[in-house]
N, C-alpha and C. Protein backbone atom coordinates (compact mmCIF):
# COMPACT_ATOMS: atom_id res chain seq x y z
N MET A 1 0.84 -1.17 0.00
CA MET A 1 0.00 0.00 0.00
C MET A 1 0.89 1.23 0.00
N HIS A 2 0.51 2.21 -0.80
CA HIS A 2 1.24 3.46 -0.90
C HIS A 2 0.21 4.57 -1.03
N PHE A 3 0.39 5.62 -0.25
CA PHE A 3 -0.54 6.75 -0.34
C PHE A 3 0.21 8.04 -0.08
N THR A 4 -0.08 9.06 -0.87
CA THR A 4 0.54 10.38 -0.73
C THR A 4 -0.54 11.44 -0.88
N THR A 5 -0.42 12.49 -0.10
CA THR A 5 -1.30 13.65 -0.26
C THR A 5 -0.46 14.91 -0.09
N SER A 6 -0.98 16.02 -0.56
CA SER A 6 -0.30 17.29 -0.34
C SER A 6 -1.35 18.35 -0.03
N VAL A 7 -0.88 19.38 0.66
CA VAL A 7 -1.77 20.47 1.03
C VAL A 7 -0.97 21.77 0.92
N ASP A 8 -1.60 22.79 0.35
CA ASP A 8 -0.99 24.12 0.30
C ASP A 8 -1.24 24.81 1.63
N ILE A 9 -0.20 25.41 2.18
CA ILE A 9 -0.32 26.08 3.47
C ILE A 9 0.19 27.50 3.34
N ASP A 10 -0.67 28.45 3.69
CA ASP A 10 -0.32 29.88 3.63
C ASP A 10 0.28 30.28 4.97
N ALA A 11 1.53 29.88 5.18
CA ALA A 11 2.23 30.19 6.42
C ALA A 11 3.73 30.17 6.15
N ASP A 12 4.46 30.77 7.04
CA ASP A 12 5.91 30.79 6.95
C ASP A 12 6.45 29.35 7.03
N PRO A 13 7.37 28.96 6.15
CA PRO A 13 7.90 27.59 6.20
C PRO A 13 8.47 27.21 7.56
N GLU A 14 9.07 28.17 8.26
CA GLU A 14 9.63 27.86 9.58
C GLU A 14 8.53 27.46 10.56
N ARG A 15 7.39 28.15 10.49
CA ARG A 15 6.25 27.81 11.37
C ARG A 15 5.75 26.40 11.06
N VAL A 16 5.65 26.08 9.79
CA VAL A 16 5.17 24.75 9.39
C VAL A 16 6.15 23.68 9.82
N TRP A 17 7.43 23.91 9.58
CA TRP A 17 8.45 22.93 9.98
C TRP A 17 8.42 22.71 11.50
N ASN A 18 8.34 23.80 12.24
CA ASN A 18 8.32 23.69 13.69
C ASN A 18 7.11 22.89 14.17
N ALA A 19 5.98 23.06 13.51
CA ALA A 19 4.79 22.28 13.87
C ALA A 19 5.01 20.80 13.57
N LEU A 20 5.65 20.51 12.45
CA LEU A 20 5.89 19.12 12.09
C LEU A 20 6.83 18.41 13.05
N VAL A 21 7.88 19.07 13.45
CA VAL A 21 8.87 18.40 14.31
C VAL A 21 8.51 18.47 15.79
N ASP A 22 7.50 19.24 16.15
CA ASP A 22 7.00 19.25 17.53
C ASP A 22 5.96 18.13 17.63
N VAL A 23 6.42 16.90 17.43
CA VAL A 23 5.54 15.75 17.26
C VAL A 23 4.63 15.50 18.46
N GLU A 24 5.07 15.84 19.64
CA GLU A 24 4.24 15.59 20.82
C GLU A 24 2.99 16.47 20.86
N ARG A 25 2.97 17.53 20.08
CA ARG A 25 1.79 18.42 20.02
C ARG A 25 0.83 18.04 18.89
N TRP A 26 1.18 17.05 18.07
CA TRP A 26 0.30 16.68 16.97
C TRP A 26 -1.14 16.41 17.41
N PRO A 27 -1.37 15.73 18.54
CA PRO A 27 -2.76 15.48 18.93
C PRO A 27 -3.58 16.75 19.14
N GLN A 28 -2.93 17.89 19.28
CA GLN A 28 -3.65 19.16 19.43
C GLN A 28 -4.24 19.64 18.11
N TRP A 29 -3.67 19.20 16.99
CA TRP A 29 -4.20 19.68 15.71
C TRP A 29 -4.69 18.58 14.77
N THR A 30 -4.61 17.31 15.18
CA THR A 30 -5.22 16.25 14.37
C THR A 30 -5.83 15.19 15.27
N ALA A 31 -7.08 14.87 15.00
CA ALA A 31 -7.79 13.83 15.76
C ALA A 31 -7.31 12.43 15.37
N SER A 32 -6.42 12.33 14.40
CA SER A 32 -5.88 11.03 14.01
C SER A 32 -4.83 10.53 15.00
N MET A 33 -4.46 11.36 15.95
CA MET A 33 -3.45 11.00 16.96
C MET A 33 -4.05 11.13 18.36
N ARG A 34 -3.91 10.07 19.15
CA ARG A 34 -4.28 10.15 20.57
C ARG A 34 -3.12 10.69 21.38
N SER A 35 -1.93 10.14 21.12
CA SER A 35 -0.74 10.62 21.82
C SER A 35 0.50 10.32 20.98
N VAL A 36 1.47 11.20 21.12
CA VAL A 36 2.79 11.01 20.51
C VAL A 36 3.80 11.32 21.61
N THR A 37 4.63 10.34 21.92
CA THR A 37 5.60 10.49 23.00
C THR A 37 7.00 10.25 22.46
N ARG A 38 7.86 11.25 22.61
CA ARG A 38 9.26 11.06 22.21
C ARG A 38 9.91 10.11 23.19
N LEU A 39 10.73 9.20 22.69
CA LEU A 39 11.47 8.27 23.52
C LEU A 39 12.92 8.74 23.56
N GLY A 40 13.46 8.92 24.72
CA GLY A 40 14.81 9.45 24.84
C GLY A 40 14.77 10.92 25.17
N THR A 41 15.94 11.47 25.39
CA THR A 41 16.04 12.87 25.81
C THR A 41 16.56 13.80 24.72
N GLU A 42 16.99 13.23 23.62
CA GLU A 42 17.52 14.04 22.52
C GLU A 42 16.39 14.82 21.84
N PRO A 43 16.70 15.99 21.27
CA PRO A 43 15.69 16.69 20.48
C PRO A 43 15.25 15.82 19.30
N PHE A 44 14.04 16.05 18.82
CA PHE A 44 13.55 15.27 17.68
C PHE A 44 14.46 15.50 16.48
N GLY A 45 14.91 14.42 15.88
CA GLY A 45 15.80 14.53 14.73
C GLY A 45 16.30 13.16 14.31
N PRO A 46 17.46 13.10 13.69
CA PRO A 46 17.99 11.84 13.18
C PRO A 46 18.02 10.76 14.27
N ASP A 47 17.55 9.59 13.90
CA ASP A 47 17.50 8.42 14.79
C ASP A 47 16.54 8.59 15.96
N GLY A 48 15.81 9.68 16.02
CA GLY A 48 14.83 9.87 17.09
C GLY A 48 13.74 8.81 17.03
N ARG A 49 13.20 8.49 18.19
CA ARG A 49 12.14 7.48 18.26
C ARG A 49 10.94 8.06 18.99
N VAL A 50 9.76 7.68 18.54
CA VAL A 50 8.52 8.11 19.18
C VAL A 50 7.55 6.94 19.28
N ARG A 51 6.68 7.02 20.25
CA ARG A 51 5.59 6.05 20.40
C ARG A 51 4.31 6.78 20.05
N ILE A 52 3.57 6.24 19.09
CA ILE A 52 2.34 6.87 18.63
C ILE A 52 1.15 5.97 18.93
N GLU A 53 0.12 6.59 19.51
CA GLU A 53 -1.16 5.91 19.72
C GLU A 53 -2.19 6.62 18.87
N GLN A 54 -2.90 5.82 18.04
CA GLN A 54 -3.93 6.35 17.16
C GLN A 54 -5.22 5.58 17.39
N PRO A 55 -6.36 6.24 17.20
CA PRO A 55 -7.63 5.52 17.32
C PRO A 55 -7.68 4.33 16.35
N ARG A 56 -8.19 3.21 16.82
CA ARG A 56 -8.43 2.01 16.02
C ARG A 56 -7.16 1.31 15.54
N LEU A 57 -5.98 1.73 16.05
CA LEU A 57 -4.72 1.10 15.67
C LEU A 57 -3.92 0.76 16.93
N PRO A 58 -3.10 -0.29 16.86
CA PRO A 58 -2.25 -0.58 18.02
C PRO A 58 -1.15 0.47 18.14
N PRO A 59 -0.66 0.72 19.36
CA PRO A 59 0.47 1.66 19.51
C PRO A 59 1.67 1.17 18.69
N MET A 60 2.42 2.11 18.14
CA MET A 60 3.59 1.75 17.33
C MET A 60 4.77 2.65 17.68
N ILE A 61 5.96 2.08 17.55
CA ILE A 61 7.20 2.82 17.74
C ILE A 61 7.73 3.18 16.36
N TRP A 62 8.04 4.46 16.17
CA TRP A 62 8.56 4.98 14.91
C TRP A 62 9.97 5.51 15.13
N GLN A 63 10.86 5.23 14.17
CA GLN A 63 12.23 5.74 14.24
C GLN A 63 12.54 6.57 13.00
N VAL A 64 13.09 7.76 13.25
CA VAL A 64 13.47 8.65 12.15
C VAL A 64 14.66 8.04 11.41
N THR A 65 14.51 7.88 10.10
CA THR A 65 15.58 7.31 9.28
C THR A 65 16.24 8.33 8.37
N ARG A 66 15.52 9.40 8.04
CA ARG A 66 16.07 10.48 7.24
C ARG A 66 15.56 11.79 7.83
N PHE A 67 16.46 12.78 7.88
CA PHE A 67 16.10 14.05 8.50
C PHE A 67 16.89 15.16 7.83
N GLU A 68 16.19 16.04 7.14
CA GLU A 68 16.81 17.21 6.53
C GLU A 68 16.15 18.43 7.15
N PRO A 69 16.83 19.08 8.10
CA PRO A 69 16.22 20.19 8.85
C PRO A 69 15.58 21.23 7.94
N GLY A 70 14.36 21.59 8.31
CA GLY A 70 13.63 22.60 7.56
C GLY A 70 13.01 22.11 6.28
N VAL A 71 13.24 20.85 5.93
CA VAL A 71 12.77 20.34 4.64
C VAL A 71 11.93 19.07 4.78
N SER A 72 12.49 18.03 5.41
CA SER A 72 11.75 16.76 5.44
C SER A 72 12.27 15.82 6.52
N PHE A 73 11.40 14.89 6.88
CA PHE A 73 11.86 13.75 7.67
C PHE A 73 11.02 12.54 7.30
N THR A 74 11.64 11.39 7.46
CA THR A 74 11.00 10.11 7.20
C THR A 74 11.21 9.25 8.44
N TRP A 75 10.16 8.52 8.80
CA TRP A 75 10.33 7.57 9.90
C TRP A 75 9.73 6.24 9.51
N VAL A 76 10.16 5.20 10.25
CA VAL A 76 9.80 3.83 9.91
C VAL A 76 9.30 3.12 11.17
N SER A 77 8.31 2.26 10.96
CA SER A 77 7.82 1.39 12.03
C SER A 77 7.67 -0.01 11.45
N GLU A 78 8.06 -1.01 12.23
CA GLU A 78 7.94 -2.40 11.78
C GLU A 78 7.16 -3.18 12.82
N ARG A 79 6.21 -3.96 12.31
CA ARG A 79 5.37 -4.76 13.21
C ARG A 79 4.72 -5.88 12.42
N GLY A 80 4.80 -7.09 12.94
CA GLY A 80 4.07 -8.21 12.39
C GLY A 80 4.26 -8.46 10.90
N GLY A 81 5.49 -8.39 10.42
CA GLY A 81 5.74 -8.66 9.01
C GLY A 81 5.45 -7.52 8.07
N VAL A 82 5.24 -6.32 8.63
CA VAL A 82 4.96 -5.15 7.79
C VAL A 82 5.90 -4.01 8.20
N ARG A 83 6.52 -3.42 7.22
CA ARG A 83 7.36 -2.24 7.43
C ARG A 83 6.60 -1.05 6.85
N THR A 84 6.36 -0.06 7.69
CA THR A 84 5.67 1.15 7.26
C THR A 84 6.64 2.30 7.30
N GLU A 85 6.76 2.99 6.18
CA GLU A 85 7.61 4.16 6.08
C GLU A 85 6.72 5.36 5.77
N ALA A 86 6.87 6.43 6.54
CA ALA A 86 6.06 7.64 6.32
C ALA A 86 6.98 8.84 6.16
N PHE A 87 6.64 9.71 5.22
CA PHE A 87 7.46 10.91 5.00
C PHE A 87 6.63 12.16 5.19
N HIS A 88 7.34 13.25 5.51
CA HIS A 88 6.77 14.57 5.75
C HIS A 88 7.71 15.56 5.09
N ARG A 89 7.23 16.29 4.08
CA ARG A 89 8.14 17.11 3.26
C ARG A 89 7.53 18.48 2.96
N LEU A 90 8.32 19.53 3.17
CA LEU A 90 7.93 20.87 2.76
C LEU A 90 8.45 21.11 1.35
N VAL A 91 7.60 21.65 0.49
CA VAL A 91 7.98 21.93 -0.89
C VAL A 91 7.65 23.39 -1.18
N GLN A 92 8.67 24.18 -1.40
CA GLN A 92 8.48 25.60 -1.72
C GLN A 92 8.41 25.74 -3.23
N GLY A 93 7.26 26.12 -3.73
CA GLY A 93 7.08 26.31 -5.17
C GLY A 93 6.87 27.76 -5.51
N THR A 94 6.67 28.04 -6.78
CA THR A 94 6.46 29.42 -7.21
C THR A 94 5.13 29.96 -6.69
N ASP A 95 4.17 29.08 -6.40
CA ASP A 95 2.86 29.51 -5.90
C ASP A 95 2.78 29.50 -4.38
N GLY A 96 3.84 29.13 -3.70
CA GLY A 96 3.81 29.09 -2.24
C GLY A 96 4.29 27.76 -1.70
N LEU A 97 3.93 27.52 -0.46
CA LEU A 97 4.39 26.34 0.26
C LEU A 97 3.37 25.21 0.22
N SER A 98 3.85 24.02 -0.05
CA SER A 98 3.03 22.82 0.05
C SER A 98 3.71 21.86 1.01
N VAL A 99 2.91 21.04 1.65
CA VAL A 99 3.44 19.97 2.48
C VAL A 99 2.94 18.66 1.89
N GLU A 100 3.86 17.75 1.68
CA GLU A 100 3.53 16.41 1.18
C GLU A 100 3.68 15.43 2.33
N LEU A 101 2.68 14.58 2.47
CA LEU A 101 2.70 13.52 3.47
C LEU A 101 2.42 12.21 2.75
N GLY A 102 3.12 11.17 3.13
CA GLY A 102 2.88 9.90 2.46
C GLY A 102 3.34 8.73 3.29
N THR A 103 2.86 7.58 2.90
CA THR A 103 3.20 6.34 3.58
C THR A 103 3.29 5.21 2.57
N ALA A 104 4.15 4.26 2.85
CA ALA A 104 4.27 3.06 2.03
C ALA A 104 4.49 1.89 2.96
N GLN A 105 3.85 0.78 2.65
CA GLN A 105 4.00 -0.43 3.46
C GLN A 105 4.54 -1.54 2.59
N THR A 106 5.50 -2.27 3.15
CA THR A 106 6.11 -3.39 2.46
C THR A 106 6.20 -4.56 3.43
N GLY A 107 6.47 -5.72 2.88
CA GLY A 107 6.62 -6.92 3.69
C GLY A 107 5.59 -7.95 3.32
N PRO A 108 5.74 -9.17 3.85
CA PRO A 108 4.88 -10.26 3.45
C PRO A 108 3.40 -10.06 3.76
N LEU A 109 3.07 -9.25 4.75
CA LEU A 109 1.66 -9.04 5.09
C LEU A 109 1.15 -7.65 4.71
N ALA A 110 1.93 -6.91 3.96
CA ALA A 110 1.52 -5.55 3.58
C ALA A 110 0.20 -5.56 2.80
N TRP A 111 0.00 -6.54 1.96
CA TRP A 111 -1.25 -6.61 1.18
C TRP A 111 -2.46 -6.72 2.11
N LEU A 112 -2.34 -7.51 3.18
CA LEU A 112 -3.44 -7.69 4.11
C LEU A 112 -3.72 -6.41 4.90
N ILE A 113 -2.65 -5.75 5.33
CA ILE A 113 -2.81 -4.48 6.05
C ILE A 113 -3.46 -3.45 5.13
N GLY A 114 -3.10 -3.47 3.85
CA GLY A 114 -3.72 -2.57 2.89
C GLY A 114 -5.22 -2.79 2.79
N ILE A 115 -5.63 -4.04 2.79
CA ILE A 115 -7.07 -4.36 2.73
C ILE A 115 -7.77 -3.93 4.01
N LEU A 116 -7.17 -4.26 5.15
CA LEU A 116 -7.80 -4.01 6.44
C LEU A 116 -7.77 -2.54 6.86
N TYR A 117 -6.67 -1.85 6.54
CA TYR A 117 -6.49 -0.50 7.08
C TYR A 117 -6.24 0.58 6.02
N GLY A 118 -6.36 0.25 4.75
CA GLY A 118 -6.08 1.22 3.70
C GLY A 118 -6.94 2.47 3.78
N ARG A 119 -8.25 2.30 3.92
CA ARG A 119 -9.14 3.45 3.99
C ARG A 119 -8.85 4.31 5.22
N LEU A 120 -8.62 3.64 6.35
CA LEU A 120 -8.33 4.36 7.57
C LEU A 120 -7.02 5.14 7.45
N THR A 121 -6.02 4.52 6.87
CA THR A 121 -4.73 5.18 6.68
C THR A 121 -4.88 6.42 5.81
N ARG A 122 -5.58 6.29 4.69
CA ARG A 122 -5.81 7.45 3.81
C ARG A 122 -6.56 8.56 4.55
N ARG A 123 -7.57 8.17 5.32
CA ARG A 123 -8.34 9.16 6.07
C ARG A 123 -7.45 9.88 7.10
N TYR A 124 -6.63 9.13 7.82
CA TYR A 124 -5.77 9.74 8.83
C TYR A 124 -4.75 10.68 8.20
N ILE A 125 -4.16 10.30 7.08
CA ILE A 125 -3.19 11.18 6.43
C ILE A 125 -3.87 12.46 5.96
N GLY A 126 -5.08 12.34 5.44
CA GLY A 126 -5.84 13.53 5.06
C GLY A 126 -6.16 14.42 6.24
N MET A 127 -6.52 13.80 7.37
CA MET A 127 -6.80 14.57 8.59
C MET A 127 -5.55 15.30 9.06
N GLU A 128 -4.40 14.63 8.97
CA GLU A 128 -3.15 15.26 9.39
C GLU A 128 -2.80 16.44 8.50
N ALA A 129 -2.97 16.29 7.21
CA ALA A 129 -2.67 17.38 6.29
C ALA A 129 -3.58 18.59 6.55
N GLN A 130 -4.87 18.35 6.68
CA GLN A 130 -5.80 19.45 6.92
C GLN A 130 -5.63 20.06 8.30
N GLY A 131 -5.34 19.23 9.29
CA GLY A 131 -5.11 19.74 10.64
C GLY A 131 -3.86 20.62 10.70
N LEU A 132 -2.80 20.18 10.02
CA LEU A 132 -1.58 20.97 9.96
C LEU A 132 -1.85 22.31 9.29
N LYS A 133 -2.60 22.30 8.22
CA LYS A 133 -2.94 23.54 7.51
C LYS A 133 -3.70 24.50 8.43
N ARG A 134 -4.75 24.00 9.09
CA ARG A 134 -5.53 24.86 9.99
C ARG A 134 -4.65 25.42 11.11
N PHE A 135 -3.83 24.56 11.70
CA PHE A 135 -2.97 24.98 12.81
C PHE A 135 -1.98 26.05 12.37
N CYS A 136 -1.32 25.83 11.25
CA CYS A 136 -0.28 26.76 10.80
C CYS A 136 -0.84 28.06 10.25
N GLU A 137 -2.04 28.03 9.72
CA GLU A 137 -2.64 29.24 9.17
C GLU A 137 -3.40 30.04 10.23
N SER A 138 -3.59 29.46 11.41
CA SER A 138 -4.32 30.19 12.46
C SER A 138 -3.41 31.24 13.09
N PRO A 139 -4.01 32.33 13.58
CA PRO A 139 -3.20 33.36 14.23
C PRO A 139 -2.54 32.83 15.51
N GLY A 140 -1.33 33.32 15.77
CA GLY A 140 -0.63 32.98 17.02
C GLY A 140 -0.01 31.67 16.93
C-alpha cells in the first residue's frame, strides 16, 4: 500500500516545519493522533524514536531514518511482518508552500494491512494534512 497527499499552506515555512517536528503536540491539531511520545532525551531529529497511539490502531514505535532540517523527515515502524515508512516534506514552489505527506508499506503481510487499514490510513493522512494547515494558518 502506498498513499501520498499534499496540502498548500499559507504560512511561513519555519512555522510549518516547527509544527511538524514538535511531534508531541500533533494530537492538538489532528484527531488522528491520541498521543505522541518522544522516547529518549535528545531533540527530535535523526534516529529519534517516538511512540504513537492512534484511534483504532495498536500503539507503534517509529524511528526517524532520514532528516533534513527545515525540509523533510521520514520515519519507519515495523510490526508483524509489515514495514511502514512515512514521510513529511515541505515543498516551496512558485505559488507558495506545500506539504507532502505519504506512507508506504512493504513486507509479506503488507497486502493484508492494505485491505484491512487502507481506507483508515488514507483518512488519517488527510486529517493530518488538513489539521496541519488549519494549525499553521491560524493566528498565534
